[in-house]
Each structure stands twice: as structure tokens, then as C-alpha cells.
Amino acid sequence: MRKKRMIYRKLFVRLVIAILLLIFIFFLLKIEKEKIQVKKVTRQEAYKRAMEIINFVWEYQPKVFNRDDIKLPNFLGNERKIVVGIPYCWGGYISVDISDRIDVKNFKDAIEKDYVPGNVLTEGGYKAKTAGLDCSGFVGAVYNLPEKVSTKTLKRYFKYISIKKLNLWIFLMLKVSTRLFI
């Protein structure tokens, strides 16, 4: 009799845990489906924001970063210098006027708080205390998205367009920019 009660108790506990887990998953899916309201950015505004990121001027002061989990962009070198542009940072979403880090407001603030400028080591996820933008972070910053997006989550904010709707100019730009930046 005691053994049966123990078995029923265990089954009951497992059933309650399973129900709670299903409820939790349901709420996660519901939250995921809710649309995040984002102010639309015109092409001109996006272009202006992109230029602000590309032309952002800051001072690089080399420091010893005893970390094996990051690699500075080669162009930074070992000398103090004025740098133009927010550096590439794997998993990064810290830009001219936006940051996904709680303790920093933007790139300038991050550098002042001894964040490492950039990280080109593309292993794992974002590395703590690094500042800059990765590819999808650049797109997010240009369009002023409220969260760090990945190439997989960009579809929350953008819709697919048919290749037939692209004009020749876009293909030429893609070809030129691919050669320049890869």
C-alpha cells in the first residue's frame, strides 16, 4: 500500500511539473509572437545613421588585454591613434547611440569604461566587455532596432522581397561592396 502511494505521488509530481513546463513554453511562444513596435526608418534616415557609424571618430589608446577569448582588429595596432568608424565586434551591439549592455549607453561610454574596442575572433558568442558591431548589429543600429538581432532574427523586423523587385543598381552595389569588404 505504501509503495503504491509513493508511485502515485511520484506520478503526480511528474504530471504537475509537465503541466507547468507546458504552461511556461506556451507563454514563451506567446511572447515570441508579439510584435515589437519599432519606429519606421526611412532610407534617408538609415543612410544618415550608417554614415554616422562609419564616420564616428574616436581615440584608440592601446592597452594590454590579457584575454585569449578576443582578438583586436589588426588596424588598431599598438600605437595611440585617432580612428574613424565603429570597429567590428563579434556579437556586438554597441554603436554611436545604442547599446544592448546595461552598464553602457553607447560606444564612447563603453571605451571610457575600459571595454575592449572590437573583437574579430568569431568563436562562441559575444565576449564580455567588448565594444563594437557585428554585421547584424550594424543593420540593427542603422535601423535603430531596440534589441540585438542575429541573421536569424532579422526577419522579425524586415520582410523578404522577391529577387525580381531588386534593380540593377542594388546588384552592382552588392558586387562592389563584396569585393571591397571581404
N, C-alpha and C. Protein backbone atom coordinates (compact mmCIF):
# COMPACT_ATOMS: atom_id res chain seq x y z
N MET A 1 0.81 -1.19 0.00
CA MET A 1 0.00 0.00 0.00
C MET A 1 0.86 1.27 0.00
N ARG A 2 1.88 1.28 0.85
CA ARG A 2 2.78 2.43 0.90
C ARG A 2 3.52 2.61 -0.42
N LYS A 3 3.88 1.50 -1.00
CA LYS A 3 4.61 1.54 -2.26
C LYS A 3 3.75 2.16 -3.36
N LYS A 4 2.45 1.80 -3.38
CA LYS A 4 1.53 2.37 -4.37
C LYS A 4 1.39 3.87 -4.18
N ARG A 5 1.29 4.30 -2.93
CA ARG A 5 1.18 5.75 -2.66
C ARG A 5 2.41 6.49 -3.16
N MET A 6 3.57 5.92 -2.93
CA MET A 6 4.82 6.55 -3.38
C MET A 6 4.84 6.66 -4.90
N ILE A 7 4.39 5.60 -5.56
CA ILE A 7 4.36 5.62 -7.02
C ILE A 7 3.39 6.68 -7.51
N TYR A 8 2.19 6.74 -6.91
CA TYR A 8 1.20 7.76 -7.29
C TYR A 8 1.71 9.17 -7.02
N ARG A 9 2.39 9.35 -5.90
CA ARG A 9 2.95 10.66 -5.58
C ARG A 9 3.98 11.09 -6.62
N LYS A 10 4.85 10.17 -6.98
CA LYS A 10 5.87 10.47 -7.99
C LYS A 10 5.22 10.80 -9.32
N LEU A 11 4.21 10.03 -9.72
CA LEU A 11 3.50 10.30 -10.96
C LEU A 11 2.81 11.66 -10.91
N PHE A 12 2.19 11.97 -9.77
CA PHE A 12 1.52 13.26 -9.60
C PHE A 12 2.51 14.40 -9.72
N VAL A 13 3.65 14.29 -9.06
CA VAL A 13 4.68 15.34 -9.11
C VAL A 13 5.17 15.51 -10.55
N ARG A 14 5.41 14.42 -11.25
CA ARG A 14 5.86 14.50 -12.64
C ARG A 14 4.80 15.15 -13.53
N LEU A 15 3.55 14.80 -13.29
CA LEU A 15 2.46 15.39 -14.05
C LEU A 15 2.38 16.90 -13.82
N VAL A 16 2.49 17.34 -12.58
CA VAL A 16 2.46 18.77 -12.25
C VAL A 16 3.64 19.49 -12.91
N ILE A 17 4.81 18.90 -12.86
CA ILE A 17 5.99 19.50 -13.49
C ILE A 17 5.79 19.61 -14.99
N ALA A 18 5.25 18.57 -15.61
CA ALA A 18 5.00 18.59 -17.05
C ALA A 18 3.99 19.68 -17.42
N ILE A 19 2.94 19.81 -16.63
CA ILE A 19 1.93 20.86 -16.90
C ILE A 19 2.55 22.24 -16.75
N LEU A 20 3.33 22.45 -15.69
CA LEU A 20 3.98 23.74 -15.50
C LEU A 20 4.95 24.05 -16.64
N LEU A 21 5.66 23.05 -17.11
CA LEU A 21 6.58 23.23 -18.23
C LEU A 21 5.82 23.61 -19.50
N LEU A 22 4.70 22.95 -19.76
CA LEU A 22 3.89 23.28 -20.93
C LEU A 22 3.35 24.71 -20.84
N ILE A 23 2.90 25.12 -19.67
CA ILE A 23 2.41 26.49 -19.49
C ILE A 23 3.54 27.49 -19.75
N PHE A 24 4.73 27.20 -19.23
CA PHE A 24 5.89 28.06 -19.43
C PHE A 24 6.23 28.18 -20.92
N ILE A 25 6.25 27.06 -21.62
CA ILE A 25 6.55 27.06 -23.05
C ILE A 25 5.48 27.85 -23.81
N PHE A 26 4.22 27.67 -23.45
CA PHE A 26 3.13 28.41 -24.09
C PHE A 26 3.35 29.91 -23.96
N PHE A 27 3.72 30.38 -22.75
CA PHE A 27 3.93 31.81 -22.55
C PHE A 27 5.16 32.30 -23.31
N LEU A 28 6.20 31.47 -23.39
CA LEU A 28 7.37 31.86 -24.17
C LEU A 28 7.00 32.03 -25.64
N LEU A 29 6.23 31.09 -26.18
CA LEU A 29 5.82 31.20 -27.57
C LEU A 29 4.93 32.41 -27.79
N LYS A 30 4.06 32.69 -26.84
CA LYS A 30 3.18 33.85 -26.96
C LYS A 30 4.00 35.14 -26.96
N ILE A 31 4.99 35.23 -26.08
CA ILE A 31 5.85 36.42 -26.03
C ILE A 31 6.62 36.56 -27.33
N GLU A 32 7.12 35.45 -27.87
CA GLU A 32 7.88 35.48 -29.12
C GLU A 32 7.04 36.01 -30.27
N LYS A 33 5.76 35.67 -30.29
CA LYS A 33 4.90 36.06 -31.40
C LYS A 33 4.47 37.52 -31.34
N GLU A 34 4.52 38.12 -30.15
CA GLU A 34 4.11 39.51 -30.03
C GLU A 34 5.06 40.39 -30.82
N LYS A 35 4.51 41.31 -31.55
CA LYS A 35 5.32 42.22 -32.35
C LYS A 35 5.90 43.31 -31.47
N ILE A 36 7.16 43.60 -31.69
CA ILE A 36 7.81 44.71 -31.01
C ILE A 36 7.59 45.94 -31.89
N GLN A 37 7.08 46.99 -31.31
CA GLN A 37 6.81 48.21 -32.06
C GLN A 37 8.11 48.96 -32.31
N VAL A 38 8.38 49.21 -33.56
CA VAL A 38 9.59 49.91 -33.95
C VAL A 38 9.20 51.06 -34.86
N LYS A 39 9.78 52.22 -34.59
CA LYS A 39 9.54 53.38 -35.44
C LYS A 39 10.18 53.10 -36.80
N LYS A 40 9.41 53.33 -37.85
CA LYS A 40 9.94 53.11 -39.18
C LYS A 40 11.03 54.13 -39.47
N VAL A 41 12.08 53.64 -40.13
CA VAL A 41 13.21 54.48 -40.50
C VAL A 41 13.20 54.58 -42.02
N THR A 42 13.25 55.81 -42.53
CA THR A 42 13.27 56.00 -43.99
C THR A 42 14.66 55.63 -44.52
N ARG A 43 14.76 55.50 -45.84
CA ARG A 43 16.06 55.20 -46.45
C ARG A 43 17.06 56.31 -46.13
N GLN A 44 16.59 57.55 -46.17
CA GLN A 44 17.48 58.68 -45.89
C GLN A 44 17.98 58.63 -44.44
N GLU A 45 17.07 58.30 -43.51
CA GLU A 45 17.47 58.20 -42.10
C GLU A 45 18.44 57.04 -41.90
N ALA A 46 18.17 55.91 -42.55
CA ALA A 46 19.06 54.75 -42.44
C ALA A 46 20.44 55.09 -42.99
N TYR A 47 20.46 55.76 -44.13
CA TYR A 47 21.74 56.17 -44.73
C TYR A 47 22.50 57.10 -43.79
N LYS A 48 21.80 58.07 -43.21
CA LYS A 48 22.43 59.01 -42.29
C LYS A 48 23.00 58.28 -41.07
N ARG A 49 22.23 57.35 -40.51
CA ARG A 49 22.70 56.60 -39.34
C ARG A 49 23.92 55.73 -39.71
N ALA A 50 23.88 55.12 -40.89
CA ALA A 50 25.01 54.31 -41.34
C ALA A 50 26.27 55.16 -41.47
N MET A 51 26.12 56.34 -42.04
CA MET A 51 27.27 57.24 -42.19
C MET A 51 27.81 57.70 -40.84
N GLU A 52 26.92 57.91 -39.87
CA GLU A 52 27.37 58.29 -38.53
C GLU A 52 28.20 57.18 -37.91
N ILE A 53 27.83 55.95 -38.14
CA ILE A 53 28.58 54.80 -37.60
C ILE A 53 29.92 54.68 -38.31
N ILE A 54 29.89 54.76 -39.63
CA ILE A 54 31.11 54.61 -40.44
C ILE A 54 32.09 55.75 -40.19
N ASN A 55 31.58 56.96 -39.95
CA ASN A 55 32.43 58.14 -39.79
C ASN A 55 32.64 58.56 -38.34
N PHE A 56 32.23 57.75 -37.39
CA PHE A 56 32.39 58.07 -35.98
C PHE A 56 33.89 58.15 -35.64
N VAL A 57 34.31 59.25 -35.06
CA VAL A 57 35.72 59.47 -34.74
C VAL A 57 35.94 59.26 -33.24
N TRP A 58 36.96 58.45 -32.91
CA TRP A 58 37.28 58.18 -31.52
C TRP A 58 38.78 57.95 -31.38
N GLU A 59 39.27 58.04 -30.17
CA GLU A 59 40.69 57.85 -29.93
C GLU A 59 40.97 56.47 -29.37
N TYR A 60 41.85 55.76 -30.06
CA TYR A 60 42.27 54.43 -29.60
C TYR A 60 43.51 54.57 -28.74
N GLN A 61 43.44 54.02 -27.55
CA GLN A 61 44.58 54.01 -26.64
C GLN A 61 44.91 52.55 -26.34
N PRO A 62 46.02 52.05 -26.91
CA PRO A 62 46.35 50.63 -26.72
C PRO A 62 46.57 50.30 -25.24
N LYS A 63 46.04 49.17 -24.87
CA LYS A 63 46.20 48.67 -23.50
C LYS A 63 46.50 47.19 -23.60
N VAL A 64 47.02 46.64 -22.56
CA VAL A 64 47.27 45.21 -22.52
C VAL A 64 45.99 44.52 -22.06
N PHE A 65 45.43 43.71 -22.95
CA PHE A 65 44.23 42.94 -22.63
C PHE A 65 44.66 41.49 -22.49
N ASN A 66 44.83 41.04 -21.28
CA ASN A 66 45.27 39.67 -21.05
C ASN A 66 44.09 38.72 -21.20
N ARG A 67 43.64 38.58 -22.44
CA ARG A 67 42.49 37.72 -22.72
C ARG A 67 42.76 36.89 -23.96
N ASP A 68 42.52 35.60 -23.86
CA ASP A 68 42.67 34.72 -25.01
C ASP A 68 41.39 34.59 -25.81
N ASP A 69 40.29 35.09 -25.26
CA ASP A 69 38.99 34.91 -25.91
C ASP A 69 38.65 36.01 -26.89
N ILE A 70 39.55 36.99 -27.06
CA ILE A 70 39.30 38.08 -28.02
C ILE A 70 40.54 38.34 -28.87
N LYS A 71 40.33 38.94 -30.02
CA LYS A 71 41.41 39.38 -30.90
C LYS A 71 41.02 40.75 -31.43
N LEU A 72 41.88 41.72 -31.20
CA LEU A 72 41.62 43.08 -31.68
C LEU A 72 41.71 43.13 -33.21
N PRO A 73 40.94 44.00 -33.82
CA PRO A 73 41.09 44.21 -35.27
C PRO A 73 42.52 44.66 -35.57
N ASN A 74 43.11 44.14 -36.63
CA ASN A 74 44.51 44.43 -36.96
C ASN A 74 44.79 45.91 -37.14
N PHE A 75 43.84 46.67 -37.69
CA PHE A 75 44.09 48.07 -38.00
C PHE A 75 44.33 48.91 -36.74
N LEU A 76 43.95 48.40 -35.56
CA LEU A 76 44.14 49.19 -34.34
C LEU A 76 45.62 49.26 -33.96
N GLY A 77 46.35 48.19 -34.14
CA GLY A 77 47.79 48.20 -33.89
C GLY A 77 48.15 48.45 -32.44
N ASN A 78 49.39 48.92 -32.22
CA ASN A 78 49.93 49.11 -30.88
C ASN A 78 50.21 50.57 -30.53
N GLU A 79 49.75 51.49 -31.37
CA GLU A 79 50.01 52.91 -31.12
C GLU A 79 48.71 53.67 -30.91
N ARG A 80 48.82 54.69 -30.09
CA ARG A 80 47.68 55.59 -29.87
C ARG A 80 47.36 56.29 -31.17
N LYS A 81 46.06 56.37 -31.52
CA LYS A 81 45.69 57.00 -32.79
C LYS A 81 44.23 57.40 -32.80
N ILE A 82 43.92 58.28 -33.73
CA ILE A 82 42.53 58.65 -33.99
C ILE A 82 41.99 57.63 -34.99
N VAL A 83 40.83 57.06 -34.68
CA VAL A 83 40.23 56.03 -35.53
C VAL A 83 38.88 56.55 -36.03
N VAL A 84 38.56 56.19 -37.25
CA VAL A 84 37.27 56.55 -37.82
C VAL A 84 36.47 55.26 -38.03
N GLY A 85 35.28 55.23 -37.45
CA GLY A 85 34.38 54.08 -37.61
C GLY A 85 34.32 53.21 -36.36
N ILE A 86 33.15 52.65 -36.13
CA ILE A 86 32.96 51.70 -35.03
C ILE A 86 33.57 50.37 -35.47
N PRO A 87 34.44 49.75 -34.68
CA PRO A 87 35.09 48.52 -35.12
C PRO A 87 34.16 47.30 -35.09
N TYR A 88 34.54 46.28 -35.87
CA TYR A 88 33.79 45.03 -35.89
C TYR A 88 33.97 44.34 -34.54
N CYS A 89 32.89 43.81 -34.02
CA CYS A 89 32.92 43.10 -32.75
C CYS A 89 31.94 41.93 -32.82
N TRP A 90 32.45 40.72 -32.79
CA TRP A 90 31.62 39.51 -32.88
C TRP A 90 30.52 39.53 -31.82
N GLY A 91 29.28 39.51 -32.26
CA GLY A 91 28.14 39.52 -31.34
C GLY A 91 27.85 40.88 -30.74
N GLY A 92 28.54 41.92 -31.21
CA GLY A 92 28.42 43.24 -30.61
C GLY A 92 27.23 44.05 -31.07
N TYR A 93 26.70 44.85 -30.14
CA TYR A 93 25.62 45.78 -30.44
C TYR A 93 25.81 47.06 -29.62
N ILE A 94 26.99 47.63 -29.76
CA ILE A 94 27.29 48.90 -29.12
C ILE A 94 27.75 49.84 -30.22
N SER A 95 26.98 50.92 -30.41
CA SER A 95 27.24 51.83 -31.52
C SER A 95 27.23 53.28 -31.05
N VAL A 96 27.10 54.18 -31.98
CA VAL A 96 27.15 55.61 -31.71
C VAL A 96 26.13 56.04 -30.65
N ASP A 97 24.91 55.53 -30.77
CA ASP A 97 23.85 55.97 -29.86
C ASP A 97 23.00 54.82 -29.31
N ILE A 98 23.54 53.61 -29.35
CA ILE A 98 22.75 52.45 -28.94
C ILE A 98 23.66 51.41 -28.29
N SER A 99 23.10 50.66 -27.34
CA SER A 99 23.85 49.59 -26.69
C SER A 99 22.88 48.58 -26.10
N ASP A 100 23.25 47.32 -26.18
CA ASP A 100 22.44 46.29 -25.54
C ASP A 100 23.01 45.90 -24.17
N ARG A 101 24.05 46.58 -23.75
CA ARG A 101 24.66 46.33 -22.44
C ARG A 101 24.03 47.27 -21.42
N ILE A 102 23.73 46.79 -20.26
CA ILE A 102 23.08 47.59 -19.22
C ILE A 102 23.99 48.69 -18.70
N ASP A 103 25.28 48.40 -18.62
CA ASP A 103 26.21 49.34 -17.98
C ASP A 103 26.80 50.40 -18.90
N VAL A 104 26.47 50.36 -20.21
CA VAL A 104 26.99 51.39 -21.12
C VAL A 104 25.87 51.91 -22.02
N LYS A 105 25.97 53.20 -22.38
CA LYS A 105 24.96 53.84 -23.21
C LYS A 105 25.27 53.73 -24.70
N ASN A 106 26.58 53.77 -25.02
CA ASN A 106 26.99 53.80 -26.42
C ASN A 106 28.48 53.44 -26.50
N PHE A 107 29.04 53.50 -27.71
CA PHE A 107 30.44 53.11 -27.92
C PHE A 107 31.40 54.00 -27.12
N LYS A 108 31.19 55.29 -27.17
CA LYS A 108 32.08 56.22 -26.46
C LYS A 108 32.08 55.89 -24.95
N ASP A 109 30.91 55.68 -24.40
CA ASP A 109 30.78 55.34 -22.98
C ASP A 109 31.49 54.01 -22.68
N ALA A 110 31.35 53.05 -23.60
CA ALA A 110 31.99 51.74 -23.41
C ALA A 110 33.52 51.88 -23.37
N ILE A 111 34.08 52.66 -24.28
CA ILE A 111 35.53 52.86 -24.32
C ILE A 111 36.01 53.56 -23.04
N GLU A 112 35.24 54.55 -22.59
CA GLU A 112 35.58 55.24 -21.35
C GLU A 112 35.53 54.29 -20.14
N LYS A 113 34.73 53.25 -20.23
CA LYS A 113 34.60 52.27 -19.14
C LYS A 113 35.48 51.05 -19.37
N ASP A 114 36.52 51.23 -20.18
CA ASP A 114 37.53 50.20 -20.45
C ASP A 114 37.02 48.94 -21.14
N TYR A 115 36.01 49.10 -21.97
CA TYR A 115 35.63 47.99 -22.84
C TYR A 115 36.70 47.86 -23.92
N VAL A 116 36.89 46.68 -24.43
CA VAL A 116 37.86 46.43 -25.49
C VAL A 116 37.22 46.83 -26.82
N PRO A 117 37.90 47.67 -27.61
CA PRO A 117 37.30 48.09 -28.89
C PRO A 117 37.42 47.01 -29.96
N GLY A 118 36.33 46.35 -30.23
CA GLY A 118 36.29 45.34 -31.28
C GLY A 118 36.72 43.96 -30.82
N ASN A 119 36.35 42.97 -31.60
CA ASN A 119 36.77 41.59 -31.40
C ASN A 119 36.49 40.85 -32.70
N VAL A 120 37.55 40.42 -33.37
CA VAL A 120 37.38 39.71 -34.64
C VAL A 120 37.48 38.20 -34.49
N LEU A 121 37.60 37.72 -33.26
CA LEU A 121 37.63 36.28 -33.02
C LEU A 121 36.20 35.76 -33.05
N THR A 122 35.88 34.97 -34.05
CA THR A 122 34.49 34.57 -34.28
C THR A 122 34.18 33.18 -33.73
N GLU A 123 34.51 32.96 -32.49
CA GLU A 123 34.21 31.68 -31.84
C GLU A 123 33.30 31.95 -30.66
N GLY A 124 32.26 31.14 -30.52
CA GLY A 124 31.33 31.34 -29.42
C GLY A 124 30.48 32.56 -29.65
N GLY A 125 29.92 33.09 -28.60
CA GLY A 125 29.06 34.26 -28.70
C GLY A 125 29.80 35.53 -28.36
N TYR A 126 29.03 36.53 -27.99
CA TYR A 126 29.59 37.83 -27.60
C TYR A 126 30.53 37.64 -26.41
N LYS A 127 31.63 38.33 -26.45
CA LYS A 127 32.60 38.28 -25.34
C LYS A 127 32.41 39.52 -24.47
N ALA A 128 32.28 39.29 -23.19
CA ALA A 128 32.02 40.37 -22.23
C ALA A 128 33.06 41.48 -22.34
N LYS A 129 32.57 42.71 -22.14
CA LYS A 129 33.40 43.90 -22.11
C LYS A 129 34.12 44.18 -23.44
N THR A 130 33.47 43.82 -24.57
CA THR A 130 33.97 44.21 -25.88
C THR A 130 32.93 45.15 -26.50
N ALA A 131 33.41 46.09 -27.30
CA ALA A 131 32.51 47.11 -27.86
C ALA A 131 32.65 47.20 -29.36
N GLY A 132 31.53 47.37 -30.03
CA GLY A 132 31.50 47.49 -31.48
C GLY A 132 30.26 46.82 -32.03
N LEU A 133 30.29 46.57 -33.32
CA LEU A 133 29.14 45.98 -34.01
C LEU A 133 29.55 44.80 -34.87
N ASP A 134 28.72 43.76 -34.88
CA ASP A 134 28.92 42.73 -35.90
C ASP A 134 28.00 43.07 -37.07
N CYS A 135 27.91 42.20 -38.05
CA CYS A 135 27.15 42.52 -39.27
C CYS A 135 25.67 42.80 -38.99
N SER A 136 25.02 41.89 -38.28
CA SER A 136 23.61 42.12 -37.99
C SER A 136 23.44 43.25 -36.98
N GLY A 137 24.43 43.46 -36.12
CA GLY A 137 24.39 44.58 -35.20
C GLY A 137 24.44 45.91 -35.95
N PHE A 138 25.22 45.95 -37.03
CA PHE A 138 25.28 47.16 -37.86
C PHE A 138 23.91 47.45 -38.46
N VAL A 139 23.27 46.41 -39.00
CA VAL A 139 21.93 46.59 -39.58
C VAL A 139 20.96 47.07 -38.49
N GLY A 140 21.02 46.44 -37.31
CA GLY A 140 20.15 46.85 -36.20
C GLY A 140 20.38 48.28 -35.77
N ALA A 141 21.64 48.70 -35.73
CA ALA A 141 21.96 50.07 -35.33
C ALA A 141 21.51 51.07 -36.39
N VAL A 142 21.68 50.73 -37.66
CA VAL A 142 21.26 51.61 -38.74
C VAL A 142 19.76 51.83 -38.69
N TYR A 143 19.01 50.77 -38.41
CA TYR A 143 17.55 50.88 -38.36
C TYR A 143 17.02 51.11 -36.95
N ASN A 144 17.95 51.37 -36.01
CA ASN A 144 17.59 51.73 -34.63
C ASN A 144 16.67 50.68 -33.98
N LEU A 145 17.02 49.41 -34.14
CA LEU A 145 16.23 48.34 -33.55
C LEU A 145 16.45 48.29 -32.05
N PRO A 146 15.42 47.96 -31.27
CA PRO A 146 15.51 48.02 -29.82
C PRO A 146 16.26 46.86 -29.17
N GLU A 147 16.70 45.90 -29.97
CA GLU A 147 17.40 44.74 -29.41
C GLU A 147 18.46 44.27 -30.39
N LYS A 148 19.40 43.53 -29.88
CA LYS A 148 20.42 42.91 -30.72
C LYS A 148 19.75 41.81 -31.52
N VAL A 149 19.92 41.86 -32.83
CA VAL A 149 19.35 40.84 -33.69
C VAL A 149 20.47 40.01 -34.30
N SER A 150 20.13 38.82 -34.70
CA SER A 150 21.07 37.97 -35.43
C SER A 150 20.57 37.85 -36.85
N THR A 151 21.34 37.18 -37.68
CA THR A 151 20.88 36.99 -39.05
C THR A 151 19.59 36.17 -39.07
N LYS A 152 19.38 35.35 -38.06
CA LYS A 152 18.15 34.54 -37.99
C LYS A 152 16.96 35.36 -37.49
N THR A 153 17.20 36.33 -36.63
CA THR A 153 16.09 37.08 -36.04
C THR A 153 15.80 38.41 -36.75
N LEU A 154 16.56 38.73 -37.77
CA LEU A 154 16.28 39.95 -38.54
C LEU A 154 14.88 39.91 -39.15
N LYS A 155 14.37 38.71 -39.40
CA LYS A 155 13.05 38.60 -40.04
C LYS A 155 11.92 39.13 -39.15
N ARG A 156 12.20 39.36 -37.87
CA ARG A 156 11.19 39.98 -37.02
C ARG A 156 10.89 41.41 -37.45
N TYR A 157 11.88 42.03 -38.06
CA TYR A 157 11.77 43.45 -38.40
C TYR A 157 11.70 43.74 -39.90
N PHE A 158 12.14 42.79 -40.69
CA PHE A 158 12.19 43.01 -42.13
C PHE A 158 11.43 41.89 -42.83
N LYS A 159 10.86 42.22 -43.98
CA LYS A 159 10.18 41.19 -44.74
C LYS A 159 11.01 40.85 -45.98
N TYR A 160 10.84 39.64 -46.43
CA TYR A 160 11.54 39.20 -47.62
C TYR A 160 10.97 39.91 -48.84
N ILE A 161 11.86 40.17 -49.81
CA ILE A 161 11.39 40.72 -51.06
C ILE A 161 11.84 39.80 -52.18
N SER A 162 11.08 39.77 -53.22
CA SER A 162 11.39 38.94 -54.37
C SER A 162 12.63 39.47 -55.06
N ILE A 163 13.44 38.58 -55.56
CA ILE A 163 14.64 38.99 -56.29
C ILE A 163 14.26 39.79 -57.54
N LYS A 164 13.05 39.57 -58.04
CA LYS A 164 12.57 40.30 -59.22
C LYS A 164 12.37 41.78 -58.91
N LYS A 165 12.17 42.11 -57.64
CA LYS A 165 11.94 43.50 -57.26
C LYS A 165 13.24 44.29 -57.08
N LEU A 166 14.36 43.59 -57.10
CA LEU A 166 15.65 44.28 -56.97
C LEU A 166 16.06 44.84 -58.32
N ASN A 167 16.64 46.01 -58.30
CA ASN A 167 17.07 46.59 -59.57
C ASN A 167 18.56 46.39 -59.79
N LEU A 168 19.03 46.71 -60.97
CA LEU A 168 20.42 46.50 -61.34
C LEU A 168 21.38 47.24 -60.41
N TRP A 169 21.01 48.43 -59.97
CA TRP A 169 21.87 49.23 -59.09
C TRP A 169 22.21 48.46 -57.81
N ILE A 170 21.23 47.78 -57.24
CA ILE A 170 21.47 47.03 -56.00
C ILE A 170 22.48 45.91 -56.24
N PHE A 171 22.36 45.20 -57.37
CA PHE A 171 23.31 44.14 -57.68
C PHE A 171 24.72 44.68 -57.86
N LEU A 172 24.83 45.83 -58.53
CA LEU A 172 26.14 46.45 -58.71
C LEU A 172 26.75 46.83 -57.37
N MET A 173 25.93 47.40 -56.48
CA MET A 173 26.43 47.77 -55.16
C MET A 173 26.86 46.55 -54.37
N LEU A 174 26.08 45.47 -54.44
CA LEU A 174 26.46 44.25 -53.73
C LEU A 174 27.79 43.71 -54.26
N LYS A 175 27.96 43.74 -55.56
CA LYS A 175 29.19 43.23 -56.15
C LYS A 175 30.39 44.09 -55.72
N VAL A 176 30.25 45.40 -55.76
CA VAL A 176 31.32 46.31 -55.36
C VAL A 176 31.63 46.15 -53.88
N SER A 177 30.62 46.17 -53.03
CA SER A 177 30.86 46.11 -51.59
C SER A 177 31.43 44.76 -51.18
N THR A 178 31.04 43.69 -51.87
CA THR A 178 31.59 42.37 -51.55
C THR A 178 33.09 42.35 -51.85
N ARG A 179 33.47 42.94 -52.95
CA ARG A 179 34.89 42.97 -53.29
C ARG A 179 35.68 43.88 -52.35
N LEU A 180 35.08 44.96 -51.93
CA LEU A 180 35.80 45.90 -51.07
C LEU A 180 35.97 45.41 -49.64
N PHE A 181 34.97 44.71 -49.12
CA PHE A 181 34.98 44.44 -47.69
C PHE A 181 35.20 42.99 -47.30
N ILE A 182 35.34 42.10 -48.24
CA ILE A 182 35.58 40.69 -47.87
C ILE A 182 36.99 40.30 -48.19
